[in-house]
Amino acid sequence: MIGYTIHALVGIFAIMNPVGNVPIFLSLTEGYDIDKQRKTARKAIFIAFLIIMIFLLLGHYIFQMFGITVSAFRVVGGILIFGIAYNLIQAKPSHAHVPHEDEHEDSVNKEDISVTPLATPLIAGPGTIATVMALAGGSNLLKDSISVFIAVVIVMMGTYVILYYSGFIGRHLGKTEMNVITRLMGLLLAIIAVQMAVSGLDKLFPGWLHT
């Protein structure tokens, strides 16, 4: 269980990439004083946590409702996550995870940006939701869900700390360092995405890896 929790922790942290999102957070909260910036970060983390928990708790029932197998979702989730990882490896933003330019411009003019684009899609985007649901849908549903829950709590706490000190991080980490971290997260995410897809294919087509 500890091993799977660490696996989930790495995967969720990589897809969320809070360090790489610091410049976006700073640009969205430009002009905020430090208290308002941190209050916005706290609210965004709380809302993002609720969004992820909804899909973590109801994911299994959503699959049953639409007749989706966990294996099929793992394959599709792996493909989706690999696409995001490919962009991260090239230090490019993925629009499944980062707002489009026009959405970014609209959000800057919003009074409250904590729900969108901060909580979603920046923190709890499609990639993060897909990763959480796929990781929680293993052979042992209860244990896997508990492991993923623990991982989500730890990542959310870490993300809040990073956003809390985003001003300090932004001043001391240049673009080159940010890109290195983003590429590293992309590499880890690509490995997890491939493993996720292979695991799903092995369930859909038993024995295909051994032929």
Protein backbone atom coordinates (compact mmCIF):
# COMPACT_ATOMS: atom_id res chain seq x y z
CA MET A 1 0.00 0.00 0.00
CA ILE A 2 2.87 2.37 0.81
CA GLY A 3 4.44 1.64 -2.57
CA TYR A 4 1.21 2.38 -4.42
CA THR A 5 0.69 5.57 -2.40
CA ILE A 6 4.15 6.77 -3.47
CA HIS A 7 3.35 5.81 -7.07
CA ALA A 8 0.10 7.79 -6.91
CA LEU A 9 1.86 10.69 -5.21
CA VAL A 10 4.46 10.97 -7.97
CA GLY A 11 1.85 10.68 -10.71
CA ILE A 12 -0.54 13.28 -9.27
CA PHE A 13 2.27 15.72 -8.45
CA ALA A 14 3.69 15.37 -11.96
CA ILE A 15 0.35 15.95 -13.72
CA MET A 16 -0.45 18.90 -11.45
CA ASN A 17 3.07 20.34 -11.77
CA PRO A 18 2.57 23.09 -9.13
CA VAL A 19 6.12 24.47 -9.49
CA GLY A 20 5.69 24.87 -13.24
CA ASN A 21 2.35 26.63 -12.64
CA VAL A 22 3.89 29.31 -10.41
CA PRO A 23 4.41 31.81 -13.30
CA ILE A 24 0.77 31.35 -14.39
CA PHE A 25 -0.47 31.84 -10.83
CA LEU A 26 1.63 34.99 -10.45
CA SER A 27 0.38 36.43 -13.74
CA LEU A 28 -3.25 35.73 -12.81
CA THR A 29 -2.84 37.34 -9.39
CA GLU A 30 -0.79 40.29 -10.61
CA GLY A 31 -1.73 43.41 -8.65
CA TYR A 32 -2.97 41.40 -5.64
CA ASP A 33 -1.46 42.14 -2.26
CA ILE A 34 0.18 39.19 -0.51
CA ASP A 35 -2.85 38.46 1.72
CA LYS A 36 -5.32 38.40 -1.16
CA GLN A 37 -2.95 36.27 -3.24
CA ARG A 38 -2.65 33.68 -0.49
CA LYS A 39 -6.38 33.77 0.26
CA THR A 40 -7.04 33.09 -3.45
CA ALA A 41 -4.57 30.19 -3.39
CA ARG A 42 -6.24 28.71 -0.30
CA LYS A 43 -9.72 28.92 -1.83
CA ALA A 44 -8.52 27.45 -5.15
CA ILE A 45 -6.87 24.51 -3.37
CA PHE A 46 -10.02 23.82 -1.35
CA ILE A 47 -12.27 23.86 -4.43
CA ALA A 48 -9.83 21.75 -6.45
CA PHE A 49 -9.70 19.22 -3.61
CA LEU A 50 -13.52 18.99 -3.58
CA ILE A 51 -13.60 18.47 -7.37
CA ILE A 52 -11.03 15.67 -7.18
CA MET A 53 -12.80 14.03 -4.23
CA ILE A 54 -16.10 13.97 -6.13
CA PHE A 55 -14.51 12.04 -8.99
CA LEU A 56 -12.51 9.83 -6.61
CA LEU A 57 -15.61 8.83 -4.63
CA LEU A 58 -18.06 8.64 -7.54
CA GLY A 59 -15.71 7.49 -10.27
CA HIS A 60 -16.62 3.82 -9.87
CA TYR A 61 -20.34 4.61 -10.09
CA ILE A 62 -19.79 6.86 -13.11
CA PHE A 63 -18.08 3.94 -14.84
CA GLN A 64 -21.00 1.64 -14.02
CA MET A 65 -23.58 4.21 -15.13
CA PHE A 66 -22.04 4.55 -18.58
CA GLY A 67 -20.88 0.96 -18.89
CA ILE A 68 -17.21 1.95 -18.93
CA THR A 69 -14.63 -0.54 -17.76
CA VAL A 70 -11.71 0.60 -15.64
CA SER A 71 -9.34 -1.04 -18.14
CA ALA A 72 -10.73 0.99 -21.04
CA PHE A 73 -10.48 4.16 -18.97
CA ARG A 74 -6.87 3.37 -18.10
CA VAL A 75 -6.02 3.06 -21.81
CA VAL A 76 -7.75 6.33 -22.73
CA GLY A 77 -6.44 8.05 -19.60
CA GLY A 78 -2.92 6.89 -20.42
CA ILE A 79 -3.19 8.36 -23.93
CA LEU A 80 -4.57 11.66 -22.61
CA ILE A 81 -1.91 11.92 -19.91
CA PHE A 82 0.86 11.02 -22.35
CA GLY A 83 -0.25 13.91 -24.56
CA ILE A 84 0.07 16.28 -21.61
CA ALA A 85 3.43 14.72 -20.68
CA TYR A 86 4.70 15.19 -24.26
CA ASN A 87 3.99 18.93 -24.02
CA LEU A 88 5.62 19.14 -20.59
CA ILE A 89 8.78 17.41 -21.86
CA GLN A 90 9.03 20.19 -24.45
CA ALA A 91 8.27 22.77 -21.73
CA LYS A 92 5.06 23.70 -23.54
CA PRO A 93 1.73 24.30 -21.76
CA SER A 94 -1.02 21.77 -22.43
CA HIS A 95 -4.47 23.28 -23.06
CA ALA A 96 -6.01 20.33 -21.22
CA HIS A 97 -4.20 21.62 -18.15
CA VAL A 98 -3.54 25.33 -18.76
CA PRO A 99 -6.10 27.91 -19.92
CA HIS A 100 -6.02 29.11 -23.54
CA GLU A 101 -4.68 32.62 -24.13
CA ASP A 102 -8.18 34.08 -24.54
CA GLU A 103 -9.35 32.29 -21.38
CA HIS A 104 -6.28 33.62 -19.58
CA GLU A 105 -7.07 37.19 -20.66
CA ASP A 106 -10.70 36.84 -19.56
CA SER A 107 -9.70 35.40 -16.19
CA VAL A 108 -7.34 38.29 -15.45
CA ASN A 109 -10.34 40.63 -15.58
CA LYS A 110 -12.44 38.44 -13.27
CA GLU A 111 -12.98 39.48 -9.68
CA ASP A 112 -12.64 35.92 -8.37
CA ILE A 113 -10.28 33.61 -10.24
CA SER A 114 -10.08 30.94 -7.53
CA VAL A 115 -12.68 28.65 -9.16
CA THR A 116 -11.63 29.10 -12.76
CA PRO A 117 -8.98 28.99 -14.03
CA LEU A 118 -7.11 28.26 -10.79
CA ALA A 119 -9.07 25.38 -9.22
CA THR A 120 -9.91 24.06 -12.67
CA PRO A 121 -8.23 23.50 -15.07
CA LEU A 122 -4.93 24.66 -13.52
CA ILE A 123 -4.99 22.46 -10.41
CA ALA A 124 -7.81 19.94 -10.97
CA GLY A 125 -7.86 19.73 -14.76
CA PRO A 126 -8.93 16.82 -16.99
CA GLY A 127 -5.48 15.24 -16.75
CA THR A 128 -5.47 15.31 -12.96
CA ILE A 129 -9.01 13.93 -12.77
CA ALA A 130 -8.21 11.16 -15.27
CA THR A 131 -5.05 10.26 -13.33
CA VAL A 132 -6.89 10.08 -10.00
CA MET A 133 -9.75 7.98 -11.40
CA ALA A 134 -7.41 5.60 -13.21
CA LEU A 135 -5.13 5.14 -10.20
CA ALA A 136 -8.11 4.51 -7.89
CA GLY A 137 -9.58 1.91 -10.23
CA GLY A 138 -7.08 -0.87 -9.61
CA SER A 139 -7.71 -4.46 -8.67
CA ASN A 140 -8.24 -3.57 -5.00
CA LEU A 141 -10.69 -0.66 -5.13
CA LEU A 142 -10.71 0.19 -1.41
CA LYS A 143 -6.94 0.07 -0.83
CA ASP A 144 -6.18 1.87 -4.09
CA SER A 145 -8.73 4.59 -3.30
CA ILE A 146 -7.23 5.10 0.17
CA SER A 147 -3.74 5.31 -1.33
CA VAL A 148 -4.89 7.85 -3.91
CA PHE A 149 -6.73 9.87 -1.23
CA ILE A 150 -3.58 10.09 0.88
CA ALA A 151 -1.56 11.07 -2.18
CA VAL A 152 -4.07 13.78 -3.14
CA VAL A 153 -4.01 15.25 0.38
CA ILE A 154 -0.20 15.38 0.40
CA VAL A 155 0.00 16.88 -3.11
CA MET A 156 -2.67 19.47 -2.28
CA MET A 157 -0.80 20.48 0.86
CA GLY A 158 2.42 20.75 -1.12
CA THR A 159 0.70 22.74 -3.86
CA TYR A 160 -0.70 25.17 -1.32
CA VAL A 161 2.77 25.70 0.20
CA ILE A 162 4.22 26.31 -3.28
CA LEU A 163 1.50 28.82 -4.18
CA TYR A 164 1.75 30.40 -0.72
CA TYR A 165 5.42 31.14 -1.38
CA SER A 166 4.99 31.65 -5.13
CA GLY A 167 6.40 35.18 -4.96
CA PHE A 168 9.62 33.92 -3.38
CA ILE A 169 9.84 30.99 -5.82
CA GLY A 170 9.18 33.24 -8.80
CA ARG A 171 12.00 35.58 -7.77
CA HIS A 172 14.56 32.82 -7.24
CA LEU A 173 13.74 30.38 -10.03
CA GLY A 174 14.31 31.64 -13.55
CA LYS A 175 12.67 30.39 -16.72
CA THR A 176 15.47 27.87 -17.33
CA GLU A 177 15.02 26.27 -13.92
CA MET A 178 11.23 26.21 -14.36
CA ASN A 179 11.64 24.49 -17.74
CA VAL A 180 13.99 21.87 -16.26
CA ILE A 181 11.45 21.05 -13.52
CA THR A 182 8.61 20.97 -16.08
CA ARG A 183 10.55 18.59 -18.35
CA LEU A 184 11.36 16.32 -15.42
CA MET A 185 7.68 16.19 -14.43
CA GLY A 186 6.82 15.44 -18.07
CA LEU A 187 9.26 12.53 -18.19
CA LEU A 188 7.86 10.98 -15.01
CA LEU A 189 4.34 11.51 -16.27
CA ALA A 190 5.07 9.90 -19.64
CA ILE A 191 6.38 6.77 -17.91
CA ILE A 192 3.30 6.58 -15.69
CA ALA A 193 0.99 7.18 -18.69
CA VAL A 194 2.57 4.34 -20.68
CA GLN A 195 2.39 2.00 -17.69
CA MET A 196 -1.26 2.96 -17.17
CA ALA A 197 -2.15 2.27 -20.81
CA VAL A 198 -0.24 -1.03 -20.86
CA SER A 199 -2.00 -2.13 -17.66
CA GLY A 200 -5.38 -1.39 -19.24
CA LEU A 201 -4.52 -3.18 -22.49
CA ASP A 202 -3.33 -6.22 -20.54
CA LYS A 203 -6.75 -6.45 -18.86
CA LEU A 204 -8.64 -5.91 -22.11
CA PHE A 205 -6.50 -8.41 -24.04
CA PRO A 206 -5.22 -10.96 -21.50
CA GLY A 207 -1.94 -12.57 -22.44
CA TRP A 208 -1.05 -10.13 -25.23
CA LEU A 209 2.15 -9.14 -23.47
CA HIS A 210 3.28 -12.75 -23.38
CA THR A 211 2.64 -13.61 -27.04
